[in-house]
């Protein structure tokens, strides 16, 4: 479930333009915030506090953002698997980059990778795992539940 901090983050990312955010709709572990003039934000937070957010403003400048509790080492490679199956290998610059949001820094996954390689397959999987090198130099793997993602995605597509 998203925490209050997660809700604030989603609101800051998705609703930075004018518009009024409606109540969140929850499907499994995922929540969707959609408003007619502001677009949608889909998101979840795992038990460790890591967040995965998909921001879809009306401008269609969609973003898939990973907000880790343990910072990613700049220049490192990130690996994403879906239920243990290959998802994507993200190099710095062409696969991911750090962006500033209203709630602080986040990792933006390259839009083409997010749109073409990850999002379609996330609907049919249970778990997304992200492995990366931390700023301290150790390897870290975090798992994010996809329980409810397909319904959340359908809700946003219909809205």
C-alpha atoms as a PDB file:
ATOM      1  CA  UNK A   1       0.000   0.000   0.000  1.00  0.00           C
ATOM      2  CA  UNK A   2       1.135   3.522  -0.609  1.00  0.00           C
ATOM      3  CA  UNK A   3       1.965   5.573   2.415  1.00  0.00           C
ATOM      4  CA  UNK A   4       1.014   9.211   2.876  1.00  0.00           C
ATOM      5  CA  UNK A   5       4.516  10.074   1.687  1.00  0.00           C
ATOM      6  CA  UNK A   6       3.925   7.920  -1.405  1.00  0.00           C
ATOM      7  CA  UNK A   7       0.643   9.688  -2.090  1.00  0.00           C
ATOM      8  CA  UNK A   8       2.368  13.049  -1.808  1.00  0.00           C
ATOM      9  CA  UNK A   9       5.048  11.822  -4.213  1.00  0.00           C
ATOM     10  CA  UNK A  10       2.462  10.618  -6.728  1.00  0.00           C
ATOM     11  CA  UNK A  11       0.585  13.872  -6.458  1.00  0.00           C
ATOM     12  CA  UNK A  12       3.748  15.925  -6.936  1.00  0.00           C
ATOM     13  CA  UNK A  13       4.795  13.915  -9.986  1.00  0.00           C
ATOM     14  CA  UNK A  14       1.460  13.522 -11.721  1.00  0.00           C
ATOM     15  CA  UNK A  15      -0.485  16.570 -10.726  1.00  0.00           C
ATOM     16  CA  UNK A  16       2.039  19.342 -11.015  1.00  0.00           C
ATOM     17  CA  UNK A  17      -0.200  20.901 -13.685  1.00  0.00           C
ATOM     18  CA  UNK A  18      -3.513  22.450 -12.820  1.00  0.00           C
ATOM     19  CA  UNK A  19      -6.318  20.054 -12.047  1.00  0.00           C
ATOM     20  CA  UNK A  20      -7.911  18.364  -9.101  1.00  0.00           C
ATOM     21  CA  UNK A  21      -6.814  14.874  -8.079  1.00  0.00           C
ATOM     22  CA  UNK A  22      -9.664  12.523  -7.315  1.00  0.00           C
ATOM     23  CA  UNK A  23      -9.573   9.879  -4.610  1.00  0.00           C
ATOM     24  CA  UNK A  24      -7.128   7.056  -5.160  1.00  0.00           C
ATOM     25  CA  UNK A  25      -8.489   3.795  -6.533  1.00  0.00           C
ATOM     26  CA  UNK A  26      -6.765   0.675  -5.220  1.00  0.00           C
ATOM     27  CA  UNK A  27      -6.295  -2.625  -7.015  1.00  0.00           C
ATOM     28  CA  UNK A  28      -4.177  -5.149  -5.102  1.00  0.00           C
ATOM     29  CA  UNK A  29      -0.909  -3.453  -4.176  1.00  0.00           C
ATOM     30  CA  UNK A  30      -1.338  -0.654  -6.748  1.00  0.00           C
ATOM     31  CA  UNK A  31      -3.142   2.674  -6.622  1.00  0.00           C
ATOM     32  CA  UNK A  32      -4.279   5.000  -9.378  1.00  0.00           C
ATOM     33  CA  UNK A  33      -4.921   8.716  -9.152  1.00  0.00           C
ATOM     34  CA  UNK A  34      -6.696  10.085 -12.214  1.00  0.00           C
ATOM     35  CA  UNK A  35      -8.187  13.505 -12.874  1.00  0.00           C
ATOM     36  CA  UNK A  36      -9.645  14.800 -16.144  1.00  0.00           C
ATOM     37  CA  UNK A  37      -7.248  17.719 -16.559  1.00  0.00           C
ATOM     38  CA  UNK A  38      -4.187  16.276 -14.827  1.00  0.00           C
ATOM     39  CA  UNK A  39      -3.945  12.734 -16.193  1.00  0.00           C
ATOM     40  CA  UNK A  40      -3.122   9.655 -14.138  1.00  0.00           C
ATOM     41  CA  UNK A  41      -0.440   8.391 -11.818  1.00  0.00           C
ATOM     42  CA  UNK A  42      -0.139   4.702 -11.018  1.00  0.00           C
ATOM     43  CA  UNK A  43       2.060   3.568  -8.188  1.00  0.00           C
ATOM     44  CA  UNK A  44       3.036   1.140  -5.507  1.00  0.00           C
ATOM     45  CA  UNK A  45       5.423   0.958  -2.590  1.00  0.00           C
ATOM     46  CA  UNK A  46       7.083  -2.246  -1.408  1.00  0.00           C
ATOM     47  CA  UNK A  47       7.776  -3.277   2.185  1.00  0.00           C
ATOM     48  CA  UNK A  48      11.245  -1.662   2.041  1.00  0.00           C
ATOM     49  CA  UNK A  49       9.801   1.686   0.952  1.00  0.00           C
ATOM     50  CA  UNK A  50      10.924   1.528  -2.691  1.00  0.00           C
ATOM     51  CA  UNK A  51       8.386   3.014  -5.094  1.00  0.00           C
ATOM     52  CA  UNK A  52       7.491   2.403  -8.713  1.00  0.00           C
ATOM     53  CA  UNK A  53       5.400   5.156 -10.278  1.00  0.00           C
ATOM     54  CA  UNK A  54       4.024   5.631 -13.765  1.00  0.00           C
ATOM     55  CA  UNK A  55       3.104   9.249 -14.422  1.00  0.00           C
ATOM     56  CA  UNK A  56       0.789   9.907 -17.370  1.00  0.00           C
ATOM     57  CA  UNK A  57      -0.053  13.594 -17.742  1.00  0.00           C
ATOM     58  CA  UNK A  58      -2.353  14.710 -20.593  1.00  0.00           C
ATOM     59  CA  UNK A  59       0.727  15.896 -22.533  1.00  0.00           C
ATOM     60  CA  UNK A  60       1.629  12.191 -22.943  1.00  0.00           C
ATOM     61  CA  UNK A  61       5.115  12.855 -21.580  1.00  0.00           C
ATOM     62  CA  UNK A  62       4.784   9.570 -19.661  1.00  0.00           C
ATOM     63  CA  UNK A  63       7.418   8.581 -17.125  1.00  0.00           C
ATOM     64  CA  UNK A  64       8.169   5.320 -15.329  1.00  0.00           C
ATOM     65  CA  UNK A  65       9.995   6.249 -12.159  1.00  0.00           C
ATOM     66  CA  UNK A  66      11.779   4.072  -9.636  1.00  0.00           C
ATOM     67  CA  UNK A  67      12.346   5.711  -6.272  1.00  0.00           C
ATOM     68  CA  UNK A  68      14.728   3.498  -4.282  1.00  0.00           C
ATOM     69  CA  UNK A  69      15.280   3.805  -0.553  1.00  0.00           C
ATOM     70  CA  UNK A  70      18.970   3.042  -1.178  1.00  0.00           C
ATOM     71  CA  UNK A  71      20.441   5.348  -3.870  1.00  0.00           C
ATOM     72  CA  UNK A  72      21.702   3.951  -7.168  1.00  0.00           C
ATOM     73  CA  UNK A  73      25.398   4.444  -7.969  1.00  0.00           C
ATOM     74  CA  UNK A  74      25.751   6.818 -10.902  1.00  0.00           C
ATOM     75  CA  UNK A  75      27.063   5.043 -13.973  1.00  0.00           C
ATOM     76  CA  UNK A  76      25.950   1.581 -12.866  1.00  0.00           C
ATOM     77  CA  UNK A  77      23.866  -0.915 -14.814  1.00  0.00           C
ATOM     78  CA  UNK A  78      20.403  -1.809 -13.550  1.00  0.00           C
ATOM     79  CA  UNK A  79      18.772  -5.149 -14.340  1.00  0.00           C
ATOM     80  CA  UNK A  80      15.019  -5.662 -14.291  1.00  0.00           C
ATOM     81  CA  UNK A  81      13.442  -9.100 -14.236  1.00  0.00           C
ATOM     82  CA  UNK A  82       9.783 -10.091 -14.222  1.00  0.00           C
ATOM     83  CA  UNK A  83       9.087 -13.218 -12.162  1.00  0.00           C
ATOM     84  CA  UNK A  84      12.774 -14.046 -12.609  1.00  0.00           C
ATOM     85  CA  UNK A  85      12.573 -13.804 -16.408  1.00  0.00           C
ATOM     86  CA  UNK A  86      14.615 -11.205 -18.333  1.00  0.00           C
ATOM     87  CA  UNK A  87      12.904  -7.827 -18.483  1.00  0.00           C
ATOM     88  CA  UNK A  88      15.475  -5.188 -19.394  1.00  0.00           C
ATOM     89  CA  UNK A  89      19.093  -4.221 -18.799  1.00  0.00           C
ATOM     90  CA  UNK A  90      19.384  -0.492 -18.257  1.00  0.00           C
ATOM     91  CA  UNK A  91      22.623   1.325 -18.851  1.00  0.00           C
ATOM     92  CA  UNK A  92      23.124   4.837 -17.533  1.00  0.00           C
ATOM     93  CA  UNK A  93      22.002   7.503 -19.972  1.00  0.00           C
ATOM     94  CA  UNK A  94      20.309   5.250 -22.518  1.00  0.00           C
ATOM     95  CA  UNK A  95      18.362   3.070 -20.050  1.00  0.00           C
ATOM     96  CA  UNK A  96      17.969   5.233 -16.978  1.00  0.00           C
ATOM     97  CA  UNK A  97      18.770   8.678 -15.656  1.00  0.00           C
ATOM     98  CA  UNK A  98      18.278  10.623 -12.458  1.00  0.00           C
ATOM     99  CA  UNK A  99      15.596  13.288 -12.634  1.00  0.00           C
ATOM    100  CA  UNK A 100      14.401  15.792 -10.073  1.00  0.00           C
ATOM    101  CA  UNK A 101      10.737  15.675  -9.110  1.00  0.00           C
ATOM    102  CA  UNK A 102       8.666  17.783  -6.767  1.00  0.00           C
ATOM    103  CA  UNK A 103       9.365  15.117  -4.129  1.00  0.00           C
ATOM    104  CA  UNK A 104      13.120  14.777  -4.748  1.00  0.00           C
ATOM    105  CA  UNK A 105      15.335  12.674  -7.049  1.00  0.00           C
ATOM    106  CA  UNK A 106      14.029   9.602  -8.876  1.00  0.00           C
ATOM    107  CA  UNK A 107      15.321   7.137 -11.466  1.00  0.00           C
ATOM    108  CA  UNK A 108      13.528   7.553 -14.781  1.00  0.00           C
ATOM    109  CA  UNK A 109      13.493   4.414 -16.905  1.00  0.00           C
ATOM    110  CA  UNK A 110      13.920   5.205 -20.608  1.00  0.00           C
ATOM    111  CA  UNK A 111      10.422   5.819 -22.051  1.00  0.00           C
ATOM    112  CA  UNK A 112      10.823   3.383 -24.961  1.00  0.00           C
ATOM    113  CA  UNK A 113      11.981   0.600 -22.623  1.00  0.00           C
ATOM    114  CA  UNK A 114       9.174   1.325 -20.175  1.00  0.00           C
ATOM    115  CA  UNK A 115       6.523   1.507 -22.904  1.00  0.00           C
ATOM    116  CA  UNK A 116       7.658  -1.312 -25.197  1.00  0.00           C
ATOM    117  CA  UNK A 117       9.534  -3.809 -23.014  1.00  0.00           C
ATOM    118  CA  UNK A 118       8.238  -3.506 -19.454  1.00  0.00           C
ATOM    119  CA  UNK A 119       4.659  -2.216 -19.229  1.00  0.00           C
ATOM    120  CA  UNK A 120       3.046  -4.777 -21.570  1.00  0.00           C
ATOM    121  CA  UNK A 121       4.693  -7.706 -19.765  1.00  0.00           C
ATOM    122  CA  UNK A 122       4.035  -6.296 -16.283  1.00  0.00           C
ATOM    123  CA  UNK A 123       0.302  -6.990 -16.794  1.00  0.00           C
ATOM    124  CA  UNK A 124       0.953 -10.748 -16.918  1.00  0.00           C
ATOM    125  CA  UNK A 125       3.518 -11.076 -14.118  1.00  0.00           C
ATOM    126  CA  UNK A 126       3.464 -11.143 -10.320  1.00  0.00           C
ATOM    127  CA  UNK A 127       6.783  -9.560  -9.359  1.00  0.00           C
ATOM    128  CA  UNK A 128       9.228  -7.044 -10.808  1.00  0.00           C
ATOM    129  CA  UNK A 129      12.777  -7.252  -9.445  1.00  0.00           C
ATOM    130  CA  UNK A 130      15.351  -4.495  -9.825  1.00  0.00           C
ATOM    131  CA  UNK A 131      19.036  -5.204  -9.191  1.00  0.00           C
ATOM    132  CA  UNK A 132      21.582  -2.398  -9.068  1.00  0.00           C
ATOM    133  CA  UNK A 133      24.805  -1.189  -7.473  1.00  0.00           C
ATOM    134  CA  UNK A 134      24.259   1.151  -4.548  1.00  0.00           C
ATOM    135  CA  UNK A 135      26.218   4.338  -3.894  1.00  0.00           C
ATOM    136  CA  UNK A 136      28.154   2.334  -1.273  1.00  0.00           C
ATOM    137  CA  UNK A 137      29.231  -0.145  -3.977  1.00  0.00           C
ATOM    138  CA  UNK A 138      27.177  -3.159  -2.886  1.00  0.00           C
ATOM    139  CA  UNK A 139      24.668  -5.027  -5.034  1.00  0.00           C
ATOM    140  CA  UNK A 140      21.028  -4.641  -4.065  1.00  0.00           C
ATOM    141  CA  UNK A 141      17.909  -6.365  -5.312  1.00  0.00           C
ATOM    142  CA  UNK A 142      14.454  -5.093  -4.506  1.00  0.00           C
ATOM    143  CA  UNK A 143      11.151  -6.688  -5.440  1.00  0.00           C
ATOM    144  CA  UNK A 144       7.996  -4.793  -6.341  1.00  0.00           C
ATOM    145  CA  UNK A 145       4.654  -6.567  -6.410  1.00  0.00           C
ATOM    146  CA  UNK A 146       2.641  -6.423  -9.613  1.00  0.00           C
ATOM    147  CA  UNK A 147      -0.499  -7.651  -7.821  1.00  0.00           C
ATOM    148  CA  UNK A 148      -3.212  -5.331  -9.132  1.00  0.00           C
ATOM    149  CA  UNK A 149      -1.097  -3.679 -11.832  1.00  0.00           C
ATOM    150  CA  UNK A 150      -3.200  -5.048 -14.729  1.00  0.00           C
ATOM    151  CA  UNK A 151      -6.427  -3.734 -13.198  1.00  0.00           C
ATOM    152  CA  UNK A 152      -4.801  -0.396 -12.349  1.00  0.00           C
ATOM    153  CA  UNK A 153      -3.482  -0.129 -15.915  1.00  0.00           C
ATOM    154  CA  UNK A 154      -6.955  -0.912 -17.330  1.00  0.00           C
ATOM    155  CA  UNK A 155      -8.550   1.667 -15.014  1.00  0.00           C
ATOM    156  CA  UNK A 156      -6.135   4.367 -16.213  1.00  0.00           C
ATOM    157  CA  UNK A 157      -6.612   3.367 -19.864  1.00  0.00           C
ATOM    158  CA  UNK A 158     -10.397   3.662 -19.518  1.00  0.00           C
ATOM    159  CA  UNK A 159     -10.212   6.970 -17.640  1.00  0.00           C
END
